[in-house]
Amino acid sequence: MANHEKHRFPINHVLGFFLSISMTILAMIVVFKTNFSSTVIMWFIGTLAFLQAGVQLFLFMHITEGQEKLTNLINIAYSAFLAFVIIIGSFWILTSGHAAY
């Protein structure tokens, strides 16, 4: 790595930090200052959480940089699949009445 690249200003980190903080503040404003239904609030918070995860992956973790771009994307896709299976499986077990009596 060249010496001038080593000491440059981390604009991606600063931008990611301010975007993350602004999304968090926006979510707090929606929760505490609006009269939206709980369903709308949950969808809004979920959308902001998804966007914030994307900001952190691209601006903090540099997911598209380096030699292993495809490996990083495959790992993220696999992690998302596992999270989906765990969430849907938990929901299915908890709501379908398979409890032992």
PDB file of N, CA and C in Angstrom:
ATOM      1  N   MET A   1       0.845  -1.168   0.000  1.00  0.00           N
ATOM      2  CA  MET A   1       0.000   0.000   0.000  1.00  0.00           C
ATOM      3  C   MET A   1       0.894   1.236   0.000  1.00  0.00           C
ATOM      4  N   ALA A   2       0.563   2.183  -0.829  1.00  0.00           N
ATOM      5  CA  ALA A   2       1.346   3.412  -0.917  1.00  0.00           C
ATOM      6  C   ALA A   2       1.182   4.227   0.363  1.00  0.00           C
ATOM      7  N   ASN A   3       2.172   5.024   0.650  1.00  0.00           N
ATOM      8  CA  ASN A   3       2.177   5.807   1.889  1.00  0.00           C
ATOM      9  C   ASN A   3       1.045   6.829   1.933  1.00  0.00           C
ATOM     10  N   HIS A   4       0.702   7.421   0.782  1.00  0.00           N
ATOM     11  CA  HIS A   4      -0.369   8.427   0.780  1.00  0.00           C
ATOM     12  C   HIS A   4      -1.736   7.803   1.019  1.00  0.00           C
ATOM     13  N   GLU A   5      -1.928   6.532   0.666  1.00  0.00           N
ATOM     14  CA  GLU A   5      -3.201   5.855   0.930  1.00  0.00           C
ATOM     15  C   GLU A   5      -3.351   5.497   2.399  1.00  0.00           C
ATOM     16  N   LYS A   6      -2.247   5.331   3.076  1.00  0.00           N
ATOM     17  CA  LYS A   6      -2.281   4.902   4.463  1.00  0.00           C
ATOM     18  C   LYS A   6      -2.820   5.979   5.397  1.00  0.00           C
ATOM     19  N   HIS A   7      -2.629   7.249   5.072  1.00  0.00           N
ATOM     20  CA  HIS A   7      -2.985   8.343   5.973  1.00  0.00           C
ATOM     21  C   HIS A   7      -4.125   9.207   5.448  1.00  0.00           C
ATOM     22  N   ARG A   8      -4.910   8.724   4.535  1.00  0.00           N
ATOM     23  CA  ARG A   8      -5.999   9.556   4.023  1.00  0.00           C
ATOM     24  C   ARG A   8      -7.170   9.565   5.008  1.00  0.00           C
ATOM     25  N   PHE A   9      -8.016  10.573   4.882  1.00  0.00           N
ATOM     26  CA  PHE A   9      -9.149  10.770   5.793  1.00  0.00           C
ATOM     27  C   PHE A   9     -10.204   9.689   5.553  1.00  0.00           C
ATOM     28  N   PRO A  10     -10.724   9.065   6.597  1.00  0.00           N
ATOM     29  CA  PRO A  10     -11.698   7.965   6.436  1.00  0.00           C
ATOM     30  C   PRO A  10     -13.112   8.486   6.205  1.00  0.00           C
ATOM     31  N   ILE A  11     -13.353   9.063   5.054  1.00  0.00           N
ATOM     32  CA  ILE A  11     -14.648   9.685   4.762  1.00  0.00           C
ATOM     33  C   ILE A  11     -15.776   8.652   4.786  1.00  0.00           C
ATOM     34  N   ASN A  12     -15.496   7.411   4.356  1.00  0.00           N
ATOM     35  CA  ASN A  12     -16.539   6.374   4.390  1.00  0.00           C
ATOM     36  C   ASN A  12     -16.992   6.084   5.813  1.00  0.00           C
ATOM     37  N   HIS A  13     -16.055   6.074   6.741  1.00  0.00           N
ATOM     38  CA  HIS A  13     -16.423   5.808   8.132  1.00  0.00           C
ATOM     39  C   HIS A  13     -17.242   6.957   8.720  1.00  0.00           C
ATOM     40  N   VAL A  14     -16.863   8.161   8.416  1.00  0.00           N
ATOM     41  CA  VAL A  14     -17.596   9.327   8.926  1.00  0.00           C
ATOM     42  C   VAL A  14     -19.000   9.370   8.318  1.00  0.00           C
ATOM     43  N   LEU A  15     -19.090   9.145   7.016  1.00  0.00           N
ATOM     44  CA  LEU A  15     -20.389   9.127   6.344  1.00  0.00           C
ATOM     45  C   LEU A  15     -21.268   8.009   6.905  1.00  0.00           C
ATOM     46  N   GLY A  16     -20.703   6.812   7.084  1.00  0.00           N
ATOM     47  CA  GLY A  16     -21.456   5.704   7.651  1.00  0.00           C
ATOM     48  C   GLY A  16     -21.922   5.987   9.065  1.00  0.00           C
ATOM     49  N   PHE A  17     -21.060   6.627   9.859  1.00  0.00           N
ATOM     50  CA  PHE A  17     -21.424   6.973  11.230  1.00  0.00           C
ATOM     51  C   PHE A  17     -22.612   7.928  11.251  1.00  0.00           C
ATOM     52  N   PHE A  18     -22.557   8.991  10.453  1.00  0.00           N
ATOM     53  CA  PHE A  18     -23.648   9.967  10.450  1.00  0.00           C
ATOM     54  C   PHE A  18     -24.935   9.385   9.861  1.00  0.00           C
ATOM     55  N   LEU A  19     -24.824   8.534   8.859  1.00  0.00           N
ATOM     56  CA  LEU A  19     -26.024   7.891   8.329  1.00  0.00           C
ATOM     57  C   LEU A  19     -26.652   6.966   9.377  1.00  0.00           C
ATOM     58  N   SER A  20     -25.828   6.209  10.080  1.00  0.00           N
ATOM     59  CA  SER A  20     -26.351   5.304  11.117  1.00  0.00           C
ATOM     60  C   SER A  20     -27.005   6.080  12.252  1.00  0.00           C
ATOM     61  N   ILE A  21     -26.357   7.137  12.699  1.00  0.00           N
ATOM     62  CA  ILE A  21     -26.925   7.958  13.774  1.00  0.00           C
ATOM     63  C   ILE A  21     -28.231   8.607  13.321  1.00  0.00           C
ATOM     64  N   SER A  22     -28.261   9.113  12.096  1.00  0.00           N
ATOM     65  CA  SER A  22     -29.480   9.779  11.622  1.00  0.00           C
ATOM     66  C   SER A  22     -30.637   8.792  11.488  1.00  0.00           C
ATOM     67  N   MET A  23     -30.348   7.558  11.055  1.00  0.00           N
ATOM     68  CA  MET A  23     -31.426   6.561  10.972  1.00  0.00           C
ATOM     69  C   MET A  23     -31.927   6.171  12.362  1.00  0.00           C
ATOM     70  N   THR A  24     -31.032   6.089  13.318  1.00  0.00           N
ATOM     71  CA  THR A  24     -31.433   5.773  14.692  1.00  0.00           C
ATOM     72  C   THR A  24     -32.294   6.889  15.271  1.00  0.00           C
ATOM     73  N   ILE A  25     -31.896   8.126  15.065  1.00  0.00           N
ATOM     74  CA  ILE A  25     -32.670   9.272  15.562  1.00  0.00           C
ATOM     75  C   ILE A  25     -34.026   9.328  14.869  1.00  0.00           C
ATOM     76  N   LEU A  26     -34.056   9.060  13.567  1.00  0.00           N
ATOM     77  CA  LEU A  26     -35.321   9.041  12.835  1.00  0.00           C
ATOM     78  C   LEU A  26     -36.262   7.976  13.388  1.00  0.00           C
ATOM     79  N   ALA A  27     -35.728   6.804  13.703  1.00  0.00           N
ATOM     80  CA  ALA A  27     -36.560   5.745  14.291  1.00  0.00           C
ATOM     81  C   ALA A  27     -37.103   6.177  15.652  1.00  0.00           C
ATOM     82  N   MET A  28     -36.271   6.825  16.453  1.00  0.00           N
ATOM     83  CA  MET A  28     -36.730   7.293  17.765  1.00  0.00           C
ATOM     84  C   MET A  28     -37.811   8.351  17.631  1.00  0.00           C
ATOM     85  N   ILE A  29     -37.671   9.239  16.665  1.00  0.00           N
ATOM     86  CA  ILE A  29     -38.689  10.264  16.443  1.00  0.00           C
ATOM     87  C   ILE A  29     -40.014   9.622  16.054  1.00  0.00           C
ATOM     88  N   VAL A  30     -39.958   8.629  15.159  1.00  0.00           N
ATOM     89  CA  VAL A  30     -41.186   7.961  14.732  1.00  0.00           C
ATOM     90  C   VAL A  30     -41.852   7.247  15.910  1.00  0.00           C
ATOM     91  N   VAL A  31     -41.052   6.616  16.759  1.00  0.00           N
ATOM     92  CA  VAL A  31     -41.621   5.881  17.891  1.00  0.00           C
ATOM     93  C   VAL A  31     -42.232   6.826  18.919  1.00  0.00           C
ATOM     94  N   PHE A  32     -41.521   7.888  19.262  1.00  0.00           N
ATOM     95  CA  PHE A  32     -41.939   8.717  20.395  1.00  0.00           C
ATOM     96  C   PHE A  32     -42.783   9.940  20.017  1.00  0.00           C
ATOM     97  N   LYS A  33     -42.748  10.372  18.778  1.00  0.00           N
ATOM     98  CA  LYS A  33     -43.413  11.628  18.422  1.00  0.00           C
ATOM     99  C   LYS A  33     -44.546  11.487  17.416  1.00  0.00           C
ATOM    100  N   THR A  34     -44.850  10.283  16.951  1.00  0.00           N
ATOM    101  CA  THR A  34     -45.931  10.137  15.972  1.00  0.00           C
ATOM    102  C   THR A  34     -47.060   9.305  16.567  1.00  0.00           C
ATOM    103  N   ASN A  35     -48.175   9.326  15.900  1.00  0.00           N
ATOM    104  CA  ASN A  35     -49.335   8.552  16.323  1.00  0.00           C
ATOM    105  C   ASN A  35     -49.621   7.414  15.350  1.00  0.00           C
ATOM    106  N   PHE A  36     -48.572   6.892  14.709  1.00  0.00           N
ATOM    107  CA  PHE A  36     -48.751   5.787  13.784  1.00  0.00           C
ATOM    108  C   PHE A  36     -49.140   4.530  14.562  1.00  0.00           C
ATOM    109  N   SER A  37     -49.779   3.603  13.867  1.00  0.00           N
ATOM    110  CA  SER A  37     -50.120   2.333  14.511  1.00  0.00           C
ATOM    111  C   SER A  37     -48.837   1.542  14.782  1.00  0.00           C
ATOM    112  N   SER A  38     -48.950   0.577  15.669  1.00  0.00           N
ATOM    113  CA  SER A  38     -47.765  -0.214  16.017  1.00  0.00           C
ATOM    114  C   SER A  38     -47.255  -1.008  14.814  1.00  0.00           C
ATOM    115  N   THR A  39     -48.145  -1.402  13.923  1.00  0.00           N
ATOM    116  CA  THR A  39     -47.726  -2.123  12.722  1.00  0.00           C
ATOM    117  C   THR A  39     -46.876  -1.237  11.820  1.00  0.00           C
ATOM    118  N   VAL A  40     -47.297  -0.019  11.608  1.00  0.00           N
ATOM    119  CA  VAL A  40     -46.541   0.920  10.766  1.00  0.00           C
ATOM    120  C   VAL A  40     -45.190   1.223  11.402  1.00  0.00           C
ATOM    121  N   ILE A  41     -45.176   1.413  12.701  1.00  0.00           N
ATOM    122  CA  ILE A  41     -43.917   1.704  13.396  1.00  0.00           C
ATOM    123  C   ILE A  41     -42.951   0.530  13.266  1.00  0.00           C
ATOM    124  N   MET A  42     -43.443  -0.694  13.431  1.00  0.00           N
ATOM    125  CA  MET A  42     -42.571  -1.859  13.315  1.00  0.00           C
ATOM    126  C   MET A  42     -42.024  -2.022  11.898  1.00  0.00           C
ATOM    127  N   TRP A  43     -42.843  -1.769  10.894  1.00  0.00           N
ATOM    128  CA  TRP A  43     -42.358  -1.841   9.516  1.00  0.00           C
ATOM    129  C   TRP A  43     -41.310  -0.759   9.261  1.00  0.00           C
ATOM    130  N   PHE A  44     -41.540   0.417   9.789  1.00  0.00           N
ATOM    131  CA  PHE A  44     -40.596   1.525   9.613  1.00  0.00           C
ATOM    132  C   PHE A  44     -39.268   1.200  10.276  1.00  0.00           C
ATOM    133  N   ILE A  45     -39.315   0.698  11.506  1.00  0.00           N
ATOM    134  CA  ILE A  45     -38.087   0.349  12.214  1.00  0.00           C
ATOM    135  C   ILE A  45     -37.368  -0.803  11.503  1.00  0.00           C
ATOM    136  N   GLY A  46     -38.107  -1.786  11.035  1.00  0.00           N
ATOM    137  CA  GLY A  46     -37.494  -2.899  10.303  1.00  0.00           C
ATOM    138  C   GLY A  46     -36.806  -2.451   9.024  1.00  0.00           C
ATOM    139  N   THR A  47     -37.451  -1.539   8.304  1.00  0.00           N
ATOM    140  CA  THR A  47     -36.850  -1.005   7.080  1.00  0.00           C
ATOM    141  C   THR A  47     -35.583  -0.227   7.394  1.00  0.00           C
ATOM    142  N   LEU A  48     -35.632   0.616   8.416  1.00  0.00           N
ATOM    143  CA  LEU A  48     -34.432   1.368   8.796  1.00  0.00           C
ATOM    144  C   LEU A  48     -33.314   0.439   9.279  1.00  0.00           C
ATOM    145  N   ALA A  49     -33.662  -0.626   9.974  1.00  0.00           N
ATOM    146  CA  ALA A  49     -32.653  -1.584  10.437  1.00  0.00           C
ATOM    147  C   ALA A  49     -31.979  -2.270   9.248  1.00  0.00           C
ATOM    148  N   PHE A  50     -32.775  -2.645   8.256  1.00  0.00           N
ATOM    149  CA  PHE A  50     -32.222  -3.267   7.052  1.00  0.00           C
ATOM    150  C   PHE A  50     -31.297  -2.293   6.318  1.00  0.00           C
ATOM    151  N   LEU A  51     -31.717  -1.043   6.179  1.00  0.00           N
ATOM    152  CA  LEU A  51     -30.877  -0.038   5.522  1.00  0.00           C
ATOM    153  C   LEU A  51     -29.598   0.231   6.315  1.00  0.00           C
ATOM    154  N   GLN A  52     -29.719   0.279   7.624  1.00  0.00           N
ATOM    155  CA  GLN A  52     -28.548   0.527   8.461  1.00  0.00           C
ATOM    156  C   GLN A  52     -27.554  -0.631   8.382  1.00  0.00           C
ATOM    157  N   ALA A  53     -28.054  -1.845   8.297  1.00  0.00           N
ATOM    158  CA  ALA A  53     -27.160  -2.992   8.122  1.00  0.00           C
ATOM    159  C   ALA A  53     -26.410  -2.884   6.795  1.00  0.00           C
ATOM    160  N   GLY A  54     -27.097  -2.446   5.755  1.00  0.00           N
ATOM    161  CA  GLY A  54     -26.435  -2.242   4.461  1.00  0.00           C
ATOM    162  C   GLY A  54     -25.370  -1.161   4.517  1.00  0.00           C
ATOM    163  N   VAL A  55     -25.683  -0.058   5.195  1.00  0.00           N
ATOM    164  CA  VAL A  55     -24.706   1.021   5.356  1.00  0.00           C
ATOM    165  C   VAL A  55     -23.468   0.506   6.072  1.00  0.00           C
ATOM    166  N   GLN A  56     -23.670  -0.260   7.114  1.00  0.00           N
ATOM    167  CA  GLN A  56     -22.530  -0.756   7.878  1.00  0.00           C
ATOM    168  C   GLN A  56     -21.720  -1.777   7.082  1.00  0.00           C
ATOM    169  N   LEU A  57     -22.380  -2.616   6.296  1.00  0.00           N
ATOM    170  CA  LEU A  57     -21.645  -3.580   5.482  1.00  0.00           C
ATOM    171  C   LEU A  57     -20.782  -2.885   4.431  1.00  0.00           C
ATOM    172  N   PHE A  58     -21.325  -1.881   3.792  1.00  0.00           N
ATOM    173  CA  PHE A  58     -20.593  -1.254   2.690  1.00  0.00           C
ATOM    174  C   PHE A  58     -19.625  -0.170   3.144  1.00  0.00           C
ATOM    175  N   LEU A  59     -19.970   0.599   4.161  1.00  0.00           N
ATOM    176  CA  LEU A  59     -19.112   1.713   4.546  1.00  0.00           C
ATOM    177  C   LEU A  59     -18.139   1.380   5.672  1.00  0.00           C
ATOM    178  N   PHE A  60     -18.518   0.496   6.582  1.00  0.00           N
ATOM    179  CA  PHE A  60     -17.616   0.146   7.677  1.00  0.00           C
ATOM    180  C   PHE A  60     -16.827  -1.119   7.375  1.00  0.00           C
ATOM    181  N   MET A  61     -17.494  -2.131   6.868  1.00  0.00           N
ATOM    182  CA  MET A  61     -16.839  -3.422   6.678  1.00  0.00           C
ATOM    183  C   MET A  61     -16.244  -3.586   5.282  1.00  0.00           C
ATOM    184  N   HIS A  62     -16.467  -2.627   4.389  1.00  0.00           N
ATOM    185  CA  HIS A  62     -15.879  -2.616   3.041  1.00  0.00           C
ATOM    186  C   HIS A  62     -16.129  -3.946   2.329  1.00  0.00           C
ATOM    187  N   ILE A  63     -17.377  -4.343   2.280  1.00  0.00           N
ATOM    188  CA  ILE A  63     -17.743  -5.659   1.780  1.00  0.00           C
ATOM    189  C   ILE A  63     -17.393  -5.839   0.301  1.00  0.00           C
ATOM    190  N   THR A  64     -17.322  -4.784  -0.475  1.00  0.00           N
ATOM    191  CA  THR A  64     -17.036  -4.918  -1.904  1.00  0.00           C
ATOM    192  C   THR A  64     -15.580  -4.620  -2.234  1.00  0.00           C
ATOM    193  N   GLU A  65     -14.737  -4.481  -1.220  1.00  0.00           N
ATOM    194  CA  GLU A  65     -13.328  -4.204  -1.471  1.00  0.00           C
ATOM    195  C   GLU A  65     -12.493  -5.446  -1.247  1.00  0.00           C
ATOM    196  N   GLY A  66     -11.319  -5.453  -1.816  1.00  0.00           N
ATOM    197  CA  GLY A  66     -10.383  -6.539  -1.574  1.00  0.00           C
ATOM    198  C   GLY A  66     -10.489  -7.652  -2.592  1.00  0.00           C
ATOM    199  N   GLN A  67      -9.725  -8.693  -2.340  1.00  0.00           N
ATOM    200  CA  GLN A  67      -9.616  -9.819  -3.262  1.00  0.00           C
ATOM    201  C   GLN A  67     -10.808 -10.769  -3.169  1.00  0.00           C
ATOM    202  N   GLU A  68     -11.448 -10.824  -2.017  1.00  0.00           N
ATOM    203  CA  GLU A  68     -12.474 -11.841  -1.767  1.00  0.00           C
ATOM    204  C   GLU A  68     -13.894 -11.283  -1.899  1.00  0.00           C
ATOM    205  N   LYS A  69     -14.167 -10.508  -2.919  1.00  0.00           N
ATOM    206  CA  LYS A  69     -15.498  -9.912  -3.064  1.00  0.00           C
ATOM    207  C   LYS A  69     -16.584 -10.976  -3.137  1.00  0.00           C
ATOM    208  N   LEU A  70     -16.396 -11.965  -3.982  1.00  0.00           N
ATOM    209  CA  LEU A  70     -17.408 -13.003  -4.152  1.00  0.00           C
ATOM    210  C   LEU A  70     -17.563 -13.833  -2.882  1.00  0.00           C
ATOM    211  N   THR A  71     -16.470 -14.137  -2.232  1.00  0.00           N
ATOM    212  CA  THR A  71     -16.532 -14.904  -0.990  1.00  0.00           C
ATOM    213  C   THR A  71     -17.301 -14.137   0.074  1.00  0.00           C
ATOM    214  N   ASN A  72     -17.060 -12.837   0.178  1.00  0.00           N
ATOM    215  CA  ASN A  72     -17.785 -12.021   1.153  1.00  0.00           C
ATOM    216  C   ASN A  72     -19.283 -12.014   0.870  1.00  0.00           C
ATOM    217  N   LEU A  73     -19.654 -11.865  -0.386  1.00  0.00           N
ATOM    218  CA  LEU A  73     -21.075 -11.841  -0.737  1.00  0.00           C
ATOM    219  C   LEU A  73     -21.739 -13.195  -0.502  1.00  0.00           C
ATOM    220  N   ILE A  74     -21.024 -14.280  -0.778  1.00  0.00           N
ATOM    221  CA  ILE A  74     -21.569 -15.611  -0.512  1.00  0.00           C
ATOM    222  C   ILE A  74     -21.760 -15.814   0.984  1.00  0.00           C
ATOM    223  N   ASN A  75     -20.803 -15.372   1.791  1.00  0.00           N
ATOM    224  CA  ASN A  75     -20.933 -15.496   3.240  1.00  0.00           C
ATOM    225  C   ASN A  75     -22.123 -14.694   3.772  1.00  0.00           C
ATOM    226  N   ILE A  76     -22.352 -13.518   3.229  1.00  0.00           N
ATOM    227  CA  ILE A  76     -23.493 -12.704   3.653  1.00  0.00           C
ATOM    228  C   ILE A  76     -24.803 -13.368   3.242  1.00  0.00           C
ATOM    229  N   ALA A  77     -24.858 -13.890   2.035  1.00  0.00           N
ATOM    230  CA  ALA A  77     -26.072 -14.571   1.584  1.00  0.00           C
ATOM    231  C   ALA A  77     -26.362 -15.792   2.451  1.00  0.00           C
ATOM    232  N   TYR A  78     -25.338 -16.551   2.786  1.00  0.00           N
ATOM    233  CA  TYR A  78     -25.524 -17.721   3.642  1.00  0.00           C
ATOM    234  C   TYR A  78     -25.982 -17.315   5.040  1.00  0.00           C
ATOM    235  N   SER A  79     -25.413 -16.250   5.581  1.00  0.00           N
ATOM    236  CA  SER A  79     -25.822 -15.760   6.900  1.00  0.00           C
ATOM    237  C   SER A  79     -27.264 -15.292   6.884  1.00  0.00           C
ATOM    238  N   ALA A  80     -27.659 -14.601   5.830  1.00  0.00           N
ATOM    239  CA  ALA A  80     -29.046 -14.147   5.714  1.00  0.00           C
ATOM    240  C   ALA A  80     -29.992 -15.345   5.617  1.00  0.00           C
ATOM    241  N   PHE A  81     -29.591 -16.376   4.874  1.00  0.00           N
ATOM    242  CA  PHE A  81     -30.403 -17.588   4.773  1.00  0.00           C
ATOM    243  C   PHE A  81     -30.559 -18.254   6.138  1.00  0.00           C
ATOM    244  N   LEU A  82     -29.473 -18.374   6.880  1.00  0.00           N
ATOM    245  CA  LEU A  82     -29.548 -18.974   8.211  1.00  0.00           C
ATOM    246  C   LEU A  82     -30.444 -18.161   9.144  1.00  0.00           C
ATOM    247  N   ALA A  83     -30.320 -16.846   9.106  1.00  0.00           N
ATOM    248  CA  ALA A  83     -31.170 -16.004   9.943  1.00  0.00           C
ATOM    249  C   ALA A  83     -32.637 -16.194   9.565  1.00  0.00           C
ATOM    250  N   PHE A  84     -32.918 -16.261   8.281  1.00  0.00           N
ATOM    251  CA  PHE A  84     -34.283 -16.469   7.808  1.00  0.00           C
ATOM    252  C   PHE A  84     -34.835 -17.801   8.307  1.00  0.00           C
ATOM    253  N   VAL A  85     -34.048 -18.860   8.197  1.00  0.00           N
ATOM    254  CA  VAL A  85     -34.489 -20.185   8.644  1.00  0.00           C
ATOM    255  C   VAL A  85     -34.739 -20.195  10.152  1.00  0.00           C
ATOM    256  N   ILE A  86     -33.850 -19.576  10.913  1.00  0.00           N
ATOM    257  CA  ILE A  86     -34.014 -19.541  12.367  1.00  0.00           C
ATOM    258  C   ILE A  86     -35.259 -18.757  12.759  1.00  0.00           C
ATOM    259  N   ILE A  87     -35.476 -17.612  12.141  1.00  0.00           N
ATOM    260  CA  ILE A  87     -36.633 -16.779  12.481  1.00  0.00           C
ATOM    261  C   ILE A  87     -37.934 -17.453  12.079  1.00  0.00           C
ATOM    262  N   ILE A  88     -38.004 -17.934  10.840  1.00  0.00           N
ATOM    263  CA  ILE A  88     -39.234 -18.583  10.378  1.00  0.00           C
ATOM    264  C   ILE A  88     -39.479 -19.878  11.148  1.00  0.00           C
ATOM    265  N   GLY A  89     -38.423 -20.653  11.402  1.00  0.00           N
ATOM    266  CA  GLY A  89     -38.580 -21.886  12.170  1.00  0.00           C
ATOM    267  C   GLY A  89     -39.052 -21.623  13.593  1.00  0.00           C
ATOM    268  N   SER A  90     -38.505 -20.612  14.224  1.00  0.00           N
ATOM    269  CA  SER A  90     -38.929 -20.259  15.574  1.00  0.00           C
ATOM    270  C   SER A  90     -40.380 -19.806  15.581  1.00  0.00           C
ATOM    271  N   PHE A  91     -40.750 -18.989  14.617  1.00  0.00           N
ATOM    272  CA  PHE A  91     -42.128 -18.530  14.527  1.00  0.00           C
ATOM    273  C   PHE A  91     -43.080 -19.714  14.314  1.00  0.00           C
ATOM    274  N   TRP A  92     -42.695 -20.634  13.449  1.00  0.00           N
ATOM    275  CA  TRP A  92     -43.529 -21.798  13.165  1.00  0.00           C
ATOM    276  C   TRP A  92     -43.715 -22.660  14.411  1.00  0.00           C
ATOM    277  N   ILE A  93     -42.627 -22.932  15.118  1.00  0.00           N
ATOM    278  CA  ILE A  93     -42.706 -23.767  16.311  1.00  0.00           C
ATOM    279  C   ILE A  93     -43.539 -23.092  17.397  1.00  0.00           C
ATOM    280  N   LEU A  94     -43.349 -21.788  17.581  1.00  0.00           N
ATOM    281  CA  LEU A  94     -44.047 -21.089  18.657  1.00  0.00           C
ATOM    282  C   LEU A  94     -45.527 -20.866  18.375  1.00  0.00           C
ATOM    283  N   THR A  95     -45.932 -20.879  17.116  1.00  0.00           N
ATOM    284  CA  THR A  95     -47.332 -20.574  16.792  1.00  0.00           C
ATOM    285  C   THR A  95     -48.148 -21.777  16.338  1.00  0.00           C
ATOM    286  N   SER A  96     -47.510 -22.925  16.112  1.00  0.00           N
ATOM    287  CA  SER A  96     -48.277 -24.026  15.531  1.00  0.00           C
ATOM    288  C   SER A  96     -48.785 -25.031  16.557  1.00  0.00           C
ATOM    289  N   GLY A  97     -48.573 -24.793  17.827  1.00  0.00           N
ATOM    290  CA  GLY A  97     -49.139 -25.641  18.856  1.00  0.00           C
ATOM    291  C   GLY A  97     -48.431 -26.956  19.049  1.00  0.00           C
ATOM    292  N   HIS A  98     -47.152 -27.010  18.814  1.00  0.00           N
ATOM    293  CA  HIS A  98     -46.391 -28.241  18.989  1.00  0.00           C
ATOM    294  C   HIS A  98     -45.819 -28.369  20.398  1.00  0.00           C
ATOM    295  N   ALA A  99     -46.407 -27.693  21.345  1.00  0.00           N
ATOM    296  CA  ALA A  99     -45.889 -27.728  22.714  1.00  0.00           C
ATOM    297  C   ALA A  99     -46.264 -29.063  23.365  1.00  0.00           C
ATOM    298  N   ALA A 100     -45.377 -29.560  24.193  1.00  0.00           N
ATOM    299  CA  ALA A 100     -45.646 -30.810  24.936  1.00  0.00           C
ATOM    300  C   ALA A 100     -46.507 -30.479  26.147  1.00  0.00           C
ATOM    301  N   TYR A 101     -47.539 -31.280  26.353  1.00  0.00           N
ATOM    302  CA  TYR A 101     -48.444 -31.035  27.481  1.00  0.00           C
ATOM    303  C   TYR A 101     -48.232 -32.039  28.545  1.00  0.00           C
TER     304      TYR A 101
END
